[in-house]
Amino acid sequence: PAAKLDIKFLLEADDEETAAAFRATPLPARFEIVTVPE
């Protein structure tokens, strides 16, 4: 069930290409993009 999912994508601060790939697709709240501090 989507209501019970907590999905986190962990990106490095300088990885703009991967971040842009995620931004290209609207994601519901169960998907979260977390930029890891340097």
PDB file of all heavy atoms in Angstrom:
ATOM      1  N   PRO A   1       0.817  -1.211   0.000  1.00  0.00           N
ATOM      2  CA  PRO A   1       0.000   0.000   0.000  1.00  0.00           C
ATOM      3  C   PRO A   1       0.853   1.264   0.000  1.00  0.00           C
ATOM      4  O   PRO A   1       1.755   1.413   0.825  1.00  0.00           O
ATOM      5  CB  PRO A   1      -0.818  -0.104   1.291  1.00  0.00           C
ATOM      6  CG  PRO A   1      -0.509  -1.405   1.899  1.00  0.00           C
ATOM      7  CD  PRO A   1       0.571  -2.066   1.151  1.00  0.00           C
ATOM      8  N   ALA A   2       0.579   2.159  -0.911  1.00  0.00           N
ATOM      9  CA  ALA A   2       1.347   3.406  -0.996  1.00  0.00           C
ATOM     10  C   ALA A   2       1.259   4.191   0.297  1.00  0.00           C
ATOM     11  O   ALA A   2       2.207   4.890   0.689  1.00  0.00           O
ATOM     12  CB  ALA A   2       0.831   4.246  -2.163  1.00  0.00           C
ATOM     13  N   ALA A   3       0.132   4.075   1.009  1.00  0.00           N
ATOM     14  CA  ALA A   3      -0.052   4.813   2.254  1.00  0.00           C
ATOM     15  C   ALA A   3       0.917   4.354   3.338  1.00  0.00           C
ATOM     16  O   ALA A   3       1.092   5.050   4.341  1.00  0.00           O
ATOM     17  CB  ALA A   3      -1.487   4.660   2.748  1.00  0.00           C
ATOM     18  N   LYS A   4       1.539   3.198   3.134  1.00  0.00           N
ATOM     19  CA  LYS A   4       2.462   2.675   4.145  1.00  0.00           C
ATOM     20  C   LYS A   4       3.890   2.581   3.632  1.00  0.00           C
ATOM     21  O   LYS A   4       4.707   1.829   4.178  1.00  0.00           O
ATOM     22  CB  LYS A   4       1.972   1.309   4.635  1.00  0.00           C
ATOM     23  CG  LYS A   4       0.683   1.397   5.443  1.00  0.00           C
ATOM     24  CD  LYS A   4       0.273   0.062   6.013  1.00  0.00           C
ATOM     25  CE  LYS A   4      -0.922   0.234   6.953  1.00  0.00           C
ATOM     26  NZ  LYS A   4      -1.359  -1.060   7.544  1.00  0.00           N
ATOM     27  N   LEU A   5       4.197   3.337   2.592  1.00  0.00           N
ATOM     28  CA  LEU A   5       5.544   3.358   2.048  1.00  0.00           C
ATOM     29  C   LEU A   5       6.229   4.675   2.372  1.00  0.00           C
ATOM     30  O   LEU A   5       5.617   5.745   2.332  1.00  0.00           O
ATOM     31  CB  LEU A   5       5.522   3.148   0.535  1.00  0.00           C
ATOM     32  CG  LEU A   5       5.315   1.716   0.040  1.00  0.00           C
ATOM     33  CD1 LEU A   5       5.233   1.685  -1.480  1.00  0.00           C
ATOM     34  CD2 LEU A   5       6.411   0.788   0.542  1.00  0.00           C
ATOM     35  N   ASP A   6       7.496   4.587   2.676  1.00  0.00           N
ATOM     36  CA  ASP A   6       8.342   5.751   2.982  1.00  0.00           C
ATOM     37  C   ASP A   6       9.633   5.557   2.192  1.00  0.00           C
ATOM     38  O   ASP A   6      10.554   4.883   2.634  1.00  0.00           O
ATOM     39  CB  ASP A   6       8.603   5.796   4.493  1.00  0.00           C
ATOM     40  CG  ASP A   6       9.665   6.799   4.885  1.00  0.00           C
ATOM     41  OD1 ASP A   6       9.750   7.860   4.239  1.00  0.00           O
ATOM     42  OD2 ASP A   6      10.414   6.524   5.856  1.00  0.00           O
ATOM     43  N   ILE A   7       9.684   6.112   0.975  1.00  0.00           N
ATOM     44  CA  ILE A   7      10.775   5.865   0.033  1.00  0.00           C
ATOM     45  C   ILE A   7      11.674   7.092  -0.035  1.00  0.00           C
ATOM     46  O   ILE A   7      11.206   8.204  -0.292  1.00  0.00           O
ATOM     47  CB  ILE A   7      10.221   5.537  -1.374  1.00  0.00           C
ATOM     48  CG1 ILE A   7       9.266   4.344  -1.301  1.00  0.00           C
ATOM     49  CG2 ILE A   7      11.361   5.260  -2.346  1.00  0.00           C
ATOM     50  CD1 ILE A   7       8.521   4.076  -2.590  1.00  0.00           C
ATOM     51  N   LYS A   8      12.981   6.878   0.185  1.00  0.00           N
ATOM     52  CA  LYS A   8      13.915   8.002   0.198  1.00  0.00           C
ATOM     53  C   LYS A   8      15.066   7.735  -0.772  1.00  0.00           C
ATOM     54  O   LYS A   8      15.750   6.707  -0.667  1.00  0.00           O
ATOM     55  CB  LYS A   8      14.456   8.228   1.609  1.00  0.00           C
ATOM     56  CG  LYS A   8      13.347   8.490   2.623  1.00  0.00           C
ATOM     57  CD  LYS A   8      13.877   8.894   3.964  1.00  0.00           C
ATOM     58  CE  LYS A   8      12.753   8.944   4.994  1.00  0.00           C
ATOM     59  NZ  LYS A   8      11.676   9.873   4.631  1.00  0.00           N
ATOM     60  N   PHE A   9      15.257   8.671  -1.701  1.00  0.00           N
ATOM     61  CA  PHE A   9      16.394   8.640  -2.618  1.00  0.00           C
ATOM     62  C   PHE A   9      17.482   9.545  -2.038  1.00  0.00           C
ATOM     63  O   PHE A   9      17.232  10.736  -1.801  1.00  0.00           O
ATOM     64  CB  PHE A   9      15.979   9.128  -4.005  1.00  0.00           C
ATOM     65  CG  PHE A   9      14.840   8.358  -4.601  1.00  0.00           C
ATOM     66  CD1 PHE A   9      13.576   8.926  -4.702  1.00  0.00           C
ATOM     67  CD2 PHE A   9      15.008   7.057  -5.055  1.00  0.00           C
ATOM     68  CE1 PHE A   9      12.512   8.230  -5.257  1.00  0.00           C
ATOM     69  CE2 PHE A   9      13.955   6.351  -5.606  1.00  0.00           C
ATOM     70  CZ  PHE A   9      12.709   6.932  -5.704  1.00  0.00           C
ATOM     71  N   LEU A  10      18.656   9.008  -1.845  1.00  0.00           N
ATOM     72  CA  LEU A  10      19.736   9.735  -1.181  1.00  0.00           C
ATOM     73  C   LEU A  10      20.750  10.176  -2.224  1.00  0.00           C
ATOM     74  O   LEU A  10      21.423   9.346  -2.855  1.00  0.00           O
ATOM     75  CB  LEU A  10      20.401   8.839  -0.135  1.00  0.00           C
ATOM     76  CG  LEU A  10      19.434   8.038   0.762  1.00  0.00           C
ATOM     77  CD1 LEU A  10      20.197   7.164   1.737  1.00  0.00           C
ATOM     78  CD2 LEU A  10      18.470   8.969   1.484  1.00  0.00           C
ATOM     79  N   LEU A  11      20.868  11.484  -2.425  1.00  0.00           N
ATOM     80  CA  LEU A  11      21.739  12.052  -3.446  1.00  0.00           C
ATOM     81  C   LEU A  11      22.868  12.839  -2.802  1.00  0.00           C
ATOM     82  O   LEU A  11      22.706  13.412  -1.719  1.00  0.00           O
ATOM     83  CB  LEU A  11      20.953  12.975  -4.381  1.00  0.00           C
ATOM     84  CG  LEU A  11      19.659  12.438  -5.008  1.00  0.00           C
ATOM     85  CD1 LEU A  11      19.100  13.459  -5.992  1.00  0.00           C
ATOM     86  CD2 LEU A  11      19.893  11.112  -5.696  1.00  0.00           C
ATOM     87  N   GLU A  12      24.014  12.887  -3.487  1.00  0.00           N
ATOM     88  CA  GLU A  12      25.119  13.737  -3.054  1.00  0.00           C
ATOM     89  C   GLU A  12      24.880  15.161  -3.540  1.00  0.00           C
ATOM     90  O   GLU A  12      24.189  15.398  -4.545  1.00  0.00           O
ATOM     91  CB  GLU A  12      26.445  13.202  -3.598  1.00  0.00           C
ATOM     92  CG  GLU A  12      26.837  11.839  -3.065  1.00  0.00           C
ATOM     93  CD  GLU A  12      27.193  11.845  -1.584  1.00  0.00           C
ATOM     94  OE1 GLU A  12      27.521  12.934  -1.060  1.00  0.00           O
ATOM     95  OE2 GLU A  12      27.137  10.770  -0.956  1.00  0.00           O
ATOM     96  N   ALA A  13      25.466  16.123  -2.828  1.00  0.00           N
ATOM     97  CA  ALA A  13      25.181  17.534  -3.087  1.00  0.00           C
ATOM     98  C   ALA A  13      25.587  17.974  -4.493  1.00  0.00           C
ATOM     99  O   ALA A  13      24.969  18.879  -5.064  1.00  0.00           O
ATOM    100  CB  ALA A  13      25.880  18.401  -2.033  1.00  0.00           C
ATOM    101  N   ASP A  14      26.622  17.351  -5.067  1.00  0.00           N
ATOM    102  CA  ASP A  14      27.107  17.789  -6.384  1.00  0.00           C
ATOM    103  C   ASP A  14      26.518  16.983  -7.545  1.00  0.00           C
ATOM    104  O   ASP A  14      26.945  17.136  -8.684  1.00  0.00           O
ATOM    105  CB  ASP A  14      28.632  17.717  -6.434  1.00  0.00           C
ATOM    106  CG  ASP A  14      29.151  16.288  -6.296  1.00  0.00           C
ATOM    107  OD1 ASP A  14      28.370  15.406  -5.903  1.00  0.00           O
ATOM    108  OD2 ASP A  14      30.345  16.061  -6.572  1.00  0.00           O
ATOM    109  N   ASP A  15      25.525  16.134  -7.254  1.00  0.00           N
ATOM    110  CA  ASP A  15      24.968  15.259  -8.291  1.00  0.00           C
ATOM    111  C   ASP A  15      23.714  15.896  -8.887  1.00  0.00           C
ATOM    112  O   ASP A  15      22.586  15.413  -8.711  1.00  0.00           O
ATOM    113  CB  ASP A  15      24.660  13.885  -7.694  1.00  0.00           C
ATOM    114  CG  ASP A  15      24.311  12.856  -8.762  1.00  0.00           C
ATOM    115  OD1 ASP A  15      24.411  13.186  -9.957  1.00  0.00           O
ATOM    116  OD2 ASP A  15      23.931  11.732  -8.390  1.00  0.00           O
ATOM    117  N   GLU A  16      23.900  16.983  -9.618  1.00  0.00           N
ATOM    118  CA  GLU A  16      22.788  17.712 -10.185  1.00  0.00           C
ATOM    119  C   GLU A  16      22.093  16.915 -11.282  1.00  0.00           C
ATOM    120  O   GLU A  16      20.874  17.020 -11.472  1.00  0.00           O
ATOM    121  CB  GLU A  16      23.281  19.050 -10.744  1.00  0.00           C
ATOM    122  CG  GLU A  16      22.225  19.878 -11.460  1.00  0.00           C
ATOM    123  CD  GLU A  16      21.019  20.194 -10.591  1.00  0.00           C
ATOM    124  OE1 GLU A  16      21.188  20.291  -9.348  1.00  0.00           O
ATOM    125  OE2 GLU A  16      19.908  20.317 -11.138  1.00  0.00           O
ATOM    126  N   GLU A  17      22.832  16.081 -12.006  1.00  0.00           N
ATOM    127  CA  GLU A  17      22.242  15.319 -13.108  1.00  0.00           C
ATOM    128  C   GLU A  17      21.174  14.351 -12.611  1.00  0.00           C
ATOM    129  O   GLU A  17      20.078  14.269 -13.170  1.00  0.00           O
ATOM    130  CB  GLU A  17      23.343  14.557 -13.853  1.00  0.00           C
ATOM    131  CG  GLU A  17      22.847  13.798 -15.076  1.00  0.00           C
ATOM    132  CD  GLU A  17      23.950  13.022 -15.772  1.00  0.00           C
ATOM    133  OE1 GLU A  17      25.111  13.056 -15.285  1.00  0.00           O
ATOM    134  OE2 GLU A  17      23.663  12.390 -16.791  1.00  0.00           O
ATOM    135  N   THR A  18      21.488  13.610 -11.528  1.00  0.00           N
ATOM    136  CA  THR A  18      20.497  12.677 -10.983  1.00  0.00           C
ATOM    137  C   THR A  18      19.330  13.429 -10.367  1.00  0.00           C
ATOM    138  O   THR A  18      18.164  13.016 -10.506  1.00  0.00           O
ATOM    139  CB  THR A  18      21.148  11.758  -9.939  1.00  0.00           C
ATOM    140  OG1 THR A  18      22.295  11.126 -10.509  1.00  0.00           O
ATOM    141  CG2 THR A  18      20.183  10.681  -9.479  1.00  0.00           C
ATOM    142  N   ALA A  19      19.615  14.543  -9.695  1.00  0.00           N
ATOM    143  CA  ALA A  19      18.537  15.351  -9.113  1.00  0.00           C
ATOM    144  C   ALA A  19      17.595  15.848 -10.205  1.00  0.00           C
ATOM    145  O   ALA A  19      16.363  15.842 -10.030  1.00  0.00           O
ATOM    146  CB  ALA A  19      19.124  16.519  -8.332  1.00  0.00           C
ATOM    147  N   ALA A  20      18.145  16.257 -11.335  1.00  0.00           N
ATOM    148  CA  ALA A  20      17.314  16.734 -12.445  1.00  0.00           C
ATOM    149  C   ALA A  20      16.448  15.608 -12.998  1.00  0.00           C
ATOM    150  O   ALA A  20      15.298  15.845 -13.405  1.00  0.00           O
ATOM    151  CB  ALA A  20      18.206  17.312 -13.536  1.00  0.00           C
ATOM    152  N   ALA A  21      16.985  14.389 -13.029  1.00  0.00           N
ATOM    153  CA  ALA A  21      16.201  13.254 -13.518  1.00  0.00           C
ATOM    154  C   ALA A  21      14.984  12.999 -12.637  1.00  0.00           C
ATOM    155  O   ALA A  21      13.906  12.649 -13.137  1.00  0.00           O
ATOM    156  CB  ALA A  21      17.083  12.002 -13.575  1.00  0.00           C
ATOM    157  N   PHE A  22      15.131  13.198 -11.329  1.00  0.00           N
ATOM    158  CA  PHE A  22      13.983  13.038 -10.435  1.00  0.00           C
ATOM    159  C   PHE A  22      13.010  14.205 -10.576  1.00  0.00           C
ATOM    160  O   PHE A  22      11.792  14.015 -10.526  1.00  0.00           O
ATOM    161  CB  PHE A  22      14.451  12.924  -8.982  1.00  0.00           C
ATOM    162  CG  PHE A  22      14.944  11.560  -8.604  1.00  0.00           C
ATOM    163  CD1 PHE A  22      16.280  11.329  -8.312  1.00  0.00           C
ATOM    164  CD2 PHE A  22      14.067  10.493  -8.539  1.00  0.00           C
ATOM    165  CE1 PHE A  22      16.732  10.078  -7.969  1.00  0.00           C
ATOM    166  CE2 PHE A  22      14.507   9.223  -8.194  1.00  0.00           C
ATOM    167  CZ  PHE A  22      15.850   9.014  -7.915  1.00  0.00           C
ATOM    168  N   ARG A  23      13.537  15.415 -10.735  1.00  0.00           N
ATOM    169  CA  ARG A  23      12.657  16.575 -10.867  1.00  0.00           C
ATOM    170  C   ARG A  23      11.813  16.510 -12.142  1.00  0.00           C
ATOM    171  O   ARG A  23      10.744  17.115 -12.222  1.00  0.00           O
ATOM    172  CB  ARG A  23      13.468  17.869 -10.862  1.00  0.00           C
ATOM    173  CG  ARG A  23      14.020  18.253  -9.495  1.00  0.00           C
ATOM    174  CD  ARG A  23      14.455  19.705  -9.485  1.00  0.00           C
ATOM    175  NE  ARG A  23      15.503  19.977 -10.460  1.00  0.00           N
ATOM    176  CZ  ARG A  23      16.805  19.918 -10.206  1.00  0.00           C
ATOM    177  NH1 ARG A  23      17.221  19.587  -8.982  1.00  0.00           N
ATOM    178  NH2 ARG A  23      17.698  20.191 -11.137  1.00  0.00           N
ATOM    179  N   ALA A  24      12.278  15.741 -13.131  1.00  0.00           N
ATOM    180  CA  ALA A  24      11.550  15.649 -14.402  1.00  0.00           C
ATOM    181  C   ALA A  24      10.236  14.891 -14.261  1.00  0.00           C
ATOM    182  O   ALA A  24       9.382  14.957 -15.144  1.00  0.00           O
ATOM    183  CB  ALA A  24      12.427  14.971 -15.455  1.00  0.00           C
ATOM    184  N   THR A  25      10.078  14.154 -13.149  1.00  0.00           N
ATOM    185  CA  THR A  25       8.867  13.372 -12.932  1.00  0.00           C
ATOM    186  C   THR A  25       8.210  13.804 -11.630  1.00  0.00           C
ATOM    187  O   THR A  25       8.826  13.673 -10.568  1.00  0.00           O
ATOM    188  CB  THR A  25       9.193  11.862 -12.861  1.00  0.00           C
ATOM    189  OG1 THR A  25       9.878  11.470 -14.048  1.00  0.00           O
ATOM    190  CG2 THR A  25       7.927  11.038 -12.701  1.00  0.00           C
ATOM    191  N   PRO A  26       6.987  14.328 -11.654  1.00  0.00           N
ATOM    192  CA  PRO A  26       6.298  14.671 -10.400  1.00  0.00           C
ATOM    193  C   PRO A  26       6.099  13.421  -9.550  1.00  0.00           C
ATOM    194  O   PRO A  26       5.630  12.385 -10.040  1.00  0.00           O
ATOM    195  CB  PRO A  26       4.953  15.244 -10.879  1.00  0.00           C
ATOM    196  CG  PRO A  26       5.179  15.605 -12.312  1.00  0.00           C
ATOM    197  CD  PRO A  26       6.178  14.644 -12.845  1.00  0.00           C
ATOM    198  N   LEU A  27       6.464  13.504  -8.274  1.00  0.00           N
ATOM    199  CA  LEU A  27       6.408  12.347  -7.393  1.00  0.00           C
ATOM    200  C   LEU A  27       5.485  12.622  -6.218  1.00  0.00           C
ATOM    201  O   LEU A  27       5.521  13.707  -5.633  1.00  0.00           O
ATOM    202  CB  LEU A  27       7.806  12.003  -6.871  1.00  0.00           C
ATOM    203  CG  LEU A  27       8.844  11.596  -7.919  1.00  0.00           C
ATOM    204  CD1 LEU A  27      10.213  11.432  -7.284  1.00  0.00           C
ATOM    205  CD2 LEU A  27       8.426  10.312  -8.625  1.00  0.00           C
ATOM    206  N   PRO A  28       4.662  11.643  -5.835  1.00  0.00           N
ATOM    207  CA  PRO A  28       3.819  11.807  -4.641  1.00  0.00           C
ATOM    208  C   PRO A  28       4.663  11.806  -3.374  1.00  0.00           C
ATOM    209  O   PRO A  28       5.869  11.529  -3.395  1.00  0.00           O
ATOM    210  CB  PRO A  28       2.886  10.599  -4.701  1.00  0.00           C
ATOM    211  CG  PRO A  28       3.600   9.596  -5.537  1.00  0.00           C
ATOM    212  CD  PRO A  28       4.418  10.364  -6.518  1.00  0.00           C
ATOM    213  N   ALA A  29       4.019  12.068  -2.234  1.00  0.00           N
ATOM    214  CA  ALA A  29       4.741  12.306  -0.978  1.00  0.00           C
ATOM    215  C   ALA A  29       5.466  11.071  -0.456  1.00  0.00           C
ATOM    216  O   ALA A  29       6.365  11.208   0.375  1.00  0.00           O
ATOM    217  CB  ALA A  29       3.773  12.829   0.081  1.00  0.00           C
ATOM    218  N   ARG A  30       5.085   9.868  -0.915  1.00  0.00           N
ATOM    219  CA  ARG A  30       5.807   8.693  -0.420  1.00  0.00           C
ATOM    220  C   ARG A  30       7.236   8.644  -0.954  1.00  0.00           C
ATOM    221  O   ARG A  30       8.082   7.941  -0.408  1.00  0.00           O
ATOM    222  CB  ARG A  30       5.054   7.417  -0.769  1.00  0.00           C
ATOM    223  CG  ARG A  30       5.040   7.027  -2.244  1.00  0.00           C
ATOM    224  CD  ARG A  30       4.274   5.733  -2.441  1.00  0.00           C
ATOM    225  NE  ARG A  30       4.249   5.259  -3.816  1.00  0.00           N
ATOM    226  CZ  ARG A  30       3.365   5.625  -4.741  1.00  0.00           C
ATOM    227  NH1 ARG A  30       2.415   6.510  -4.422  1.00  0.00           N
ATOM    228  NH2 ARG A  30       3.413   5.137  -5.972  1.00  0.00           N
ATOM    229  N   PHE A  31       7.514   9.371  -2.025  1.00  0.00           N
ATOM    230  CA  PHE A  31       8.864   9.491  -2.569  1.00  0.00           C
ATOM    231  C   PHE A  31       9.489  10.780  -2.049  1.00  0.00           C
ATOM    232  O   PHE A  31       8.900  11.849  -2.168  1.00  0.00           O
ATOM    233  CB  PHE A  31       8.837   9.542  -4.099  1.00  0.00           C
ATOM    234  CG  PHE A  31       8.316   8.288  -4.748  1.00  0.00           C
ATOM    235  CD1 PHE A  31       7.007   8.225  -5.195  1.00  0.00           C
ATOM    236  CD2 PHE A  31       9.128   7.187  -4.922  1.00  0.00           C
ATOM    237  CE1 PHE A  31       6.516   7.080  -5.807  1.00  0.00           C
ATOM    238  CE2 PHE A  31       8.650   6.039  -5.534  1.00  0.00           C
ATOM    239  CZ  PHE A  31       7.340   5.983  -5.975  1.00  0.00           C
ATOM    240  N   GLU A  32      10.675  10.673  -1.502  1.00  0.00           N
ATOM    241  CA  GLU A  32      11.357  11.842  -0.943  1.00  0.00           C
ATOM    242  C   GLU A  32      12.804  11.862  -1.440  1.00  0.00           C
ATOM    243  O   GLU A  32      13.496  10.841  -1.381  1.00  0.00           O
ATOM    244  CB  GLU A  32      11.322  11.789   0.582  1.00  0.00           C
ATOM    245  CG  GLU A  32      11.891  13.016   1.257  1.00  0.00           C
ATOM    246  CD  GLU A  32      11.761  12.954   2.763  1.00  0.00           C
ATOM    247  OE1 GLU A  32      11.193  11.968   3.275  1.00  0.00           O
ATOM    248  OE2 GLU A  32      12.253  13.882   3.437  1.00  0.00           O
ATOM    249  N   ILE A  33      13.239  13.008  -1.917  1.00  0.00           N
ATOM    250  CA  ILE A  33      14.622  13.173  -2.383  1.00  0.00           C
ATOM    251  C   ILE A  33      15.411  13.880  -1.289  1.00  0.00           C
ATOM    252  O   ILE A  33      15.095  15.019  -0.925  1.00  0.00           O
ATOM    253  CB  ILE A  33      14.662  13.967  -3.695  1.00  0.00           C
ATOM    254  CG1 ILE A  33      13.874  13.226  -4.776  1.00  0.00           C
ATOM    255  CG2 ILE A  33      16.100  14.182  -4.147  1.00  0.00           C
ATOM    256  CD1 ILE A  33      13.644  14.025  -6.031  1.00  0.00           C
ATOM    257  N   VAL A  34      16.405  13.209  -0.758  1.00  0.00           N
ATOM    258  CA  VAL A  34      17.209  13.733   0.349  1.00  0.00           C
ATOM    259  C   VAL A  34      18.620  14.000  -0.160  1.00  0.00           C
ATOM    260  O   VAL A  34      19.290  13.086  -0.650  1.00  0.00           O
ATOM    261  CB  VAL A  34      17.262  12.733   1.524  1.00  0.00           C
ATOM    262  CG1 VAL A  34      18.127  13.272   2.656  1.00  0.00           C
ATOM    263  CG2 VAL A  34      15.854  12.414   2.016  1.00  0.00           C
ATOM    264  N   THR A  35      19.051  15.239  -0.051  1.00  0.00           N
ATOM    265  CA  THR A  35      20.419  15.593  -0.413  1.00  0.00           C
ATOM    266  C   THR A  35      21.294  15.449   0.823  1.00  0.00           C
ATOM    267  O   THR A  35      21.099  16.148   1.822  1.00  0.00           O
ATOM    268  CB  THR A  35      20.503  17.030  -0.956  1.00  0.00           C
ATOM    269  OG1 THR A  35      19.660  17.145  -2.102  1.00  0.00           O
ATOM    270  CG2 THR A  35      21.934  17.371  -1.351  1.00  0.00           C
ATOM    271  N   VAL A  36      22.242  14.537   0.771  1.00  0.00           N
ATOM    272  CA  VAL A  36      23.107  14.250   1.919  1.00  0.00           C
ATOM    273  C   VAL A  36      24.099  15.402   2.093  1.00  0.00           C
ATOM    274  O   VAL A  36      24.743  15.812   1.123  1.00  0.00           O
ATOM    275  CB  VAL A  36      23.849  12.913   1.706  1.00  0.00           C
ATOM    276  CG1 VAL A  36      24.784  12.620   2.867  1.00  0.00           C
ATOM    277  CG2 VAL A  36      22.840  11.784   1.523  1.00  0.00           C
ATOM    278  N   PRO A  37      24.251  15.940   3.302  1.00  0.00           N
ATOM    279  CA  PRO A  37      25.221  17.022   3.514  1.00  0.00           C
ATOM    280  C   PRO A  37      26.626  16.587   3.140  1.00  0.00           C
ATOM    281  O   PRO A  37      27.011  15.422   3.318  1.00  0.00           O
ATOM    282  CB  PRO A  37      25.114  17.309   5.017  1.00  0.00           C
ATOM    283  CG  PRO A  37      23.761  16.811   5.408  1.00  0.00           C
ATOM    284  CD  PRO A  37      23.494  15.631   4.529  1.00  0.00           C
ATOM    285  N   GLU A  38      27.397  17.506   2.610  1.00  0.00           N
ATOM    286  CA  GLU A  38      28.765  17.203   2.201  1.00  0.00           C
ATOM    287  C   GLU A  38      29.598  16.763   3.402  1.00  0.00           C
ATOM    288  O   GLU A  38      29.445  17.289   4.502  1.00  0.00           O
ATOM    289  CB  GLU A  38      29.402  18.423   1.537  1.00  0.00           C
ATOM    290  CG  GLU A  38      28.787  18.787   0.203  1.00  0.00           C
ATOM    291  CD  GLU A  38      29.506  19.932  -0.471  1.00  0.00           C
ATOM    292  OE1 GLU A  38      30.553  20.358   0.052  1.00  0.00           O
ATOM    293  OE2 GLU A  38      29.023  20.409  -1.520  1.00  0.00           O
TER     294      GLU A  38
END
